[in-house]
Amino acid sequence: MQDRPTVDELLEAVQSFLRDDVMAATSGRVNFHARVAGNVLEWVRRELAHEQPHLQHEWDGLNRLDAMNRPLPAGLPAARAAIEERNQELCARIRAGAFAEGSARIDLLAHLRAVTHDKLVVTNPALLPADSNPRQN
């Protein structure tokens, strides 16, 4: 791990360069691509800031749906892979009708809303109403 500048500070510096220098001095295609690149950098910054807690939230939700208390594997690659595997299992259970009705369906929908919320926090938080956090309702 490096000291300063942090990854976030480096990404912010590149964003500022794109916004303040490149976009201010260009138009048309170059300006558009600079705007897209800046938006991608902002997305990456949000992903880095939120990935670990969002993975933990999703894992906890899957544990509730499975009535289990398995710990999230350590390390981001292992955690991502484990969640992918559990989501595939969840999809199979949904196709088999395990969440077709009753409290199981309500719990599934609550989990899917929470996961979708977390994904939008990273990809496009402007789409979220200010009071939309499903974990606070």
Protein backbone atom coordinates (compact mmCIF):
# COMPACT_ATOMS: atom_id res chain seq x y z
CA MET A 1 0.00 0.00 0.00
CA GLN A 2 1.29 3.42 -0.93
CA ASP A 3 1.11 6.58 1.13
CA ARG A 4 0.07 9.74 -0.71
CA PRO A 5 -1.32 10.38 -3.14
CA THR A 6 -4.02 7.79 -2.53
CA VAL A 7 -5.76 6.01 -5.37
CA ASP A 8 -8.78 8.24 -4.83
CA GLU A 9 -6.61 11.37 -4.95
CA LEU A 10 -5.00 10.20 -8.20
CA LEU A 11 -8.39 9.48 -9.77
CA GLU A 12 -9.66 12.88 -8.63
CA ALA A 13 -6.61 14.58 -10.19
CA VAL A 14 -7.26 12.89 -13.54
CA GLN A 15 -10.96 13.80 -13.29
CA SER A 16 -10.08 17.42 -12.61
CA PHE A 17 -7.69 17.48 -15.57
CA LEU A 18 -10.39 16.08 -17.86
CA ARG A 19 -13.04 18.46 -16.57
CA ASP A 20 -11.02 21.65 -16.14
CA ASP A 21 -8.46 21.36 -18.93
CA VAL A 22 -9.56 18.93 -21.62
CA MET A 23 -13.29 19.67 -21.60
CA ALA A 24 -12.75 23.41 -21.24
CA ALA A 25 -10.46 23.43 -24.28
CA THR A 26 -12.34 21.08 -26.59
CA SER A 27 -15.68 20.50 -28.21
CA GLY A 28 -17.42 17.77 -30.13
CA ARG A 29 -16.11 14.22 -30.01
CA VAL A 30 -13.07 14.90 -27.80
CA ASN A 31 -15.19 16.84 -25.31
CA PHE A 32 -17.76 14.04 -25.23
CA HIS A 33 -15.11 11.36 -24.66
CA ALA A 34 -13.48 13.44 -21.91
CA ARG A 35 -16.88 13.68 -20.19
CA VAL A 36 -17.39 9.91 -20.51
CA ALA A 37 -13.90 9.23 -19.15
CA GLY A 38 -14.56 11.54 -16.20
CA ASN A 39 -17.81 9.74 -15.47
CA VAL A 40 -16.02 6.37 -15.60
CA LEU A 41 -13.42 7.63 -13.13
CA GLU A 42 -16.17 8.79 -10.77
CA TRP A 43 -17.80 5.35 -11.04
CA VAL A 44 -14.48 3.67 -10.21
CA ARG A 45 -14.03 5.96 -7.20
CA ARG A 46 -17.48 5.04 -5.89
CA GLU A 47 -16.80 1.34 -6.51
CA LEU A 48 -13.57 1.51 -4.53
CA ALA A 49 -15.26 3.37 -1.69
CA HIS A 50 -18.29 1.08 -1.42
CA GLU A 51 -17.28 -2.36 -2.68
CA GLN A 52 -16.42 -4.04 0.63
CA PRO A 53 -19.53 -2.93 2.54
CA HIS A 54 -21.77 -3.67 -0.46
CA LEU A 55 -20.33 -7.16 -0.78
CA GLN A 56 -20.94 -7.69 2.93
CA HIS A 57 -24.53 -6.41 2.63
CA GLU A 58 -25.23 -8.75 -0.27
CA TRP A 59 -23.65 -11.69 1.55
CA ASP A 60 -25.71 -10.98 4.66
CA GLY A 61 -28.86 -10.85 2.53
CA LEU A 62 -28.01 -14.19 0.94
CA ASN A 63 -27.43 -15.62 4.41
CA ARG A 64 -30.90 -14.44 5.46
CA LEU A 65 -32.49 -15.99 2.38
CA ASP A 66 -30.66 -19.28 3.03
CA ALA A 67 -31.21 -19.15 6.82
CA MET A 68 -27.43 -19.53 7.24
CA ASN A 69 -24.70 -17.61 8.96
CA ARG A 70 -21.67 -18.27 6.76
CA PRO A 71 -18.86 -15.70 6.92
CA LEU A 72 -17.94 -13.78 3.78
CA PRO A 73 -14.64 -15.12 2.41
CA ALA A 74 -11.66 -12.84 3.03
CA GLY A 75 -10.27 -10.80 0.16
CA LEU A 76 -12.19 -9.12 -2.63
CA PRO A 77 -11.58 -11.74 -5.36
CA ALA A 78 -12.71 -14.59 -3.09
CA ALA A 79 -15.71 -12.59 -1.85
CA ARG A 80 -16.78 -11.70 -5.40
CA ALA A 81 -16.47 -15.33 -6.52
CA ALA A 82 -18.42 -16.64 -3.53
CA ILE A 83 -21.23 -14.14 -4.08
CA GLU A 84 -21.38 -15.03 -7.77
CA GLU A 85 -21.70 -18.71 -6.86
CA ARG A 86 -24.42 -18.04 -4.29
CA ASN A 87 -26.30 -15.83 -6.74
CA GLN A 88 -26.27 -18.67 -9.27
CA GLU A 89 -27.70 -20.94 -6.58
CA LEU A 90 -30.32 -18.29 -5.75
CA CYS A 91 -31.32 -18.06 -9.42
CA ALA A 92 -31.80 -21.83 -9.54
CA ARG A 93 -33.97 -21.67 -6.41
CA ILE A 94 -36.04 -18.85 -7.91
CA ARG A 95 -36.55 -20.86 -11.13
CA ALA A 96 -37.60 -23.84 -9.00
CA GLY A 97 -40.29 -21.73 -7.32
CA ALA A 98 -38.74 -21.47 -3.86
CA PHE A 99 -39.73 -17.79 -3.59
CA ALA A 100 -43.05 -17.88 -5.39
CA GLU A 101 -45.20 -16.71 -2.49
CA GLY A 102 -45.52 -15.70 1.12
CA SER A 103 -42.75 -14.43 3.36
CA ALA A 104 -40.06 -16.05 1.18
CA ARG A 105 -41.16 -13.85 -1.72
CA ILE A 106 -41.23 -10.73 0.48
CA ASP A 107 -37.73 -11.53 1.79
CA LEU A 108 -36.41 -12.09 -1.75
CA LEU A 109 -37.85 -8.81 -3.00
CA ALA A 110 -36.36 -6.93 -0.03
CA HIS A 111 -32.96 -8.48 -0.77
CA LEU A 112 -33.17 -7.62 -4.47
CA ARG A 113 -34.18 -4.03 -3.68
CA ALA A 114 -31.23 -3.65 -1.30
CA VAL A 115 -28.73 -5.10 -3.80
CA THR A 116 -30.12 -2.92 -6.58
CA HIS A 117 -29.85 0.13 -4.33
CA ASP A 118 -26.19 -0.64 -3.62
CA LYS A 119 -25.48 -1.08 -7.33
CA LEU A 120 -27.09 2.26 -8.13
CA VAL A 121 -25.06 3.97 -5.39
CA VAL A 122 -22.01 3.05 -7.50
CA THR A 123 -23.26 3.25 -11.07
CA ASN A 124 -25.67 6.19 -10.96
CA PRO A 125 -26.60 7.62 -7.55
CA ALA A 126 -28.58 10.40 -9.24
CA LEU A 127 -31.29 7.80 -9.94
CA LEU A 128 -31.84 7.25 -6.21
CA PRO A 129 -34.26 9.36 -4.19
CA ALA A 130 -32.61 10.86 -1.11
CA ASP A 131 -34.54 8.59 1.28
CA SER A 132 -34.20 5.35 -0.71
CA ASN A 133 -31.85 3.28 1.46
CA PRO A 134 -33.76 0.01 2.02
CA ARG A 135 -31.70 -0.79 5.12
CA GLN A 136 -33.08 2.30 6.90
CA ASN A 137 -36.77 1.66 6.12
